[in-house]
Amino acid sequence: MQQPNDYGAYTAETTYELARKERSYASVRVAQCRDGLYRFAIDLSYSYGGRCGPITDDGEGFATMLAAKEAGAAALLDGFPRGFGDPQSVRSELAALRSQIEEGLRQPSLF
């Protein structure tokens, strides 16, 4: 268990890489917050964009690191970009990342 920094963000204790295709990747970072629950932040980086955020006390907490990782993977898929308007290569890249994440959720031992 750790304390947040001055801005309310925690340093990740564990980073789970859920998918990778060349330089593109998707990951979930997890930390145990001061209330003893685990929370996550997601990272997504691909040719034309990405998103990320800090781990904070806001949002739902989870009893285990594994539960936080799985919730993070599901949250990543909920807002996953489709690449509409992007070149076919970017859409293919995103589809490959998404497929890896979905496969990991179906077979958790792959994560």
Protein backbone atom coordinates (compact mmCIF):
# COMPACT_ATOMS: atom_id res chain seq x y z
CA MET A 1 0.00 0.00 0.00
CA GLN A 2 1.31 3.42 -0.87
CA GLN A 3 0.46 7.08 -0.55
CA PRO A 4 -0.47 9.28 -3.52
CA ASN A 5 1.79 12.09 -4.65
CA ASP A 6 0.88 15.76 -4.18
CA TYR A 7 -1.52 15.55 -7.13
CA GLY A 8 -3.38 12.47 -5.89
CA ALA A 9 -1.75 10.01 -8.30
CA TYR A 10 -0.19 6.68 -7.38
CA THR A 11 2.87 5.02 -8.87
CA ALA A 12 1.99 1.71 -10.52
CA GLU A 13 3.14 -1.35 -8.62
CA THR A 14 2.60 -3.59 -11.63
CA THR A 15 2.15 -2.99 -15.33
CA TYR A 16 0.43 -5.65 -17.41
CA GLU A 17 1.09 -5.48 -21.13
CA LEU A 18 -2.10 -6.79 -22.70
CA ALA A 19 -1.22 -6.39 -26.36
CA ARG A 20 1.67 -5.40 -28.60
CA LYS A 21 2.11 -4.97 -32.33
CA GLU A 22 5.48 -3.53 -33.27
CA ARG A 23 5.63 -0.13 -31.51
CA SER A 24 1.93 -0.08 -30.59
CA TYR A 25 0.79 -1.43 -27.24
CA ALA A 26 -2.01 -1.59 -24.70
CA SER A 27 -1.39 -1.99 -20.99
CA VAL A 28 -3.03 -1.72 -17.58
CA ARG A 29 -1.16 -0.25 -14.61
CA VAL A 30 -2.28 -1.27 -11.11
CA ALA A 31 -1.54 0.09 -7.63
CA GLN A 32 -2.86 -0.59 -4.16
CA CYS A 33 -4.30 2.65 -2.85
CA ARG A 34 -4.28 3.90 0.73
CA ASP A 35 -7.70 2.37 1.40
CA GLY A 36 -6.23 -1.06 0.64
CA LEU A 37 -8.10 -1.50 -2.65
CA TYR A 38 -6.46 -1.87 -6.04
CA ARG A 39 -7.14 0.60 -8.82
CA PHE A 40 -6.00 0.80 -12.40
CA ALA A 41 -5.10 3.15 -15.22
CA ILE A 42 -4.92 2.24 -18.87
CA ASP A 43 -2.31 3.03 -21.52
CA LEU A 44 -2.86 2.74 -25.24
CA SER A 45 -0.39 3.88 -27.87
CA TYR A 46 -0.73 3.35 -31.61
CA SER A 47 0.40 5.01 -34.85
CA TYR A 48 -2.20 7.78 -34.90
CA GLY A 49 -2.93 8.32 -31.22
CA GLY A 50 -3.45 6.86 -27.82
CA ARG A 51 -4.63 7.59 -24.33
CA CYS A 52 -3.50 7.19 -20.77
CA GLY A 53 -4.21 8.49 -17.29
CA PRO A 54 -3.12 8.37 -13.67
CA ILE A 55 -4.07 5.88 -10.99
CA THR A 56 -6.14 7.78 -8.40
CA ASP A 57 -8.52 7.13 -5.50
CA ASP A 58 -11.42 8.05 -7.78
CA GLY A 59 -13.45 5.26 -9.21
CA GLU A 60 -14.10 1.70 -8.21
CA GLY A 61 -11.57 -0.19 -6.13
CA PHE A 62 -10.93 -3.93 -6.32
CA ALA A 63 -10.00 -6.46 -3.66
CA THR A 64 -7.23 -8.05 -5.73
CA MET A 65 -4.65 -6.94 -8.25
CA LEU A 66 -5.99 -9.50 -10.73
CA ALA A 67 -9.53 -8.12 -10.47
CA ALA A 68 -8.22 -4.60 -11.12
CA LYS A 69 -6.25 -5.82 -14.14
CA GLU A 70 -9.30 -7.55 -15.62
CA ALA A 71 -11.47 -4.48 -15.01
CA GLY A 72 -8.81 -2.34 -16.67
CA ALA A 73 -8.76 -4.61 -19.72
CA ALA A 74 -12.55 -4.39 -19.97
CA ALA A 75 -12.45 -0.58 -19.61
CA LEU A 76 -9.82 -0.39 -22.32
CA LEU A 77 -12.04 -2.36 -24.69
CA ASP A 78 -15.12 -0.23 -23.82
CA GLY A 79 -13.50 2.88 -25.27
CA PHE A 80 -11.25 1.24 -27.83
CA PRO A 81 -10.76 3.32 -30.99
CA ARG A 82 -12.03 1.90 -34.29
CA GLY A 83 -9.82 3.98 -36.54
CA PHE A 84 -12.64 5.30 -38.71
CA GLY A 85 -11.16 7.77 -41.17
CA ASP A 86 -7.65 6.44 -40.56
CA PRO A 87 -5.63 4.52 -43.14
CA GLN A 88 -6.21 0.78 -43.45
CA SER A 89 -2.84 0.10 -41.81
CA VAL A 90 -3.99 1.87 -38.63
CA ARG A 91 -7.32 0.05 -38.60
CA SER A 92 -5.44 -3.26 -38.97
CA GLU A 93 -3.08 -2.29 -36.16
CA LEU A 94 -6.00 -1.47 -33.84
CA ALA A 95 -7.83 -4.66 -34.78
CA ALA A 96 -4.73 -6.72 -33.92
CA LEU A 97 -4.36 -5.02 -30.52
CA ARG A 98 -8.06 -5.45 -29.75
CA SER A 99 -7.95 -9.11 -30.73
CA GLN A 100 -5.02 -9.77 -28.38
CA ILE A 101 -6.82 -8.10 -25.47
CA GLU A 102 -10.05 -10.02 -26.13
CA GLU A 103 -8.14 -13.30 -26.34
CA GLY A 104 -6.46 -12.54 -23.01
CA LEU A 105 -9.83 -11.95 -21.36
CA ARG A 106 -11.11 -15.27 -22.72
CA GLN A 107 -7.94 -17.07 -21.59
CA PRO A 108 -6.60 -15.16 -18.54
CA SER A 109 -3.49 -17.32 -18.32
CA LEU A 110 -2.27 -15.58 -21.50
CA PHE A 111 -1.95 -12.23 -19.69
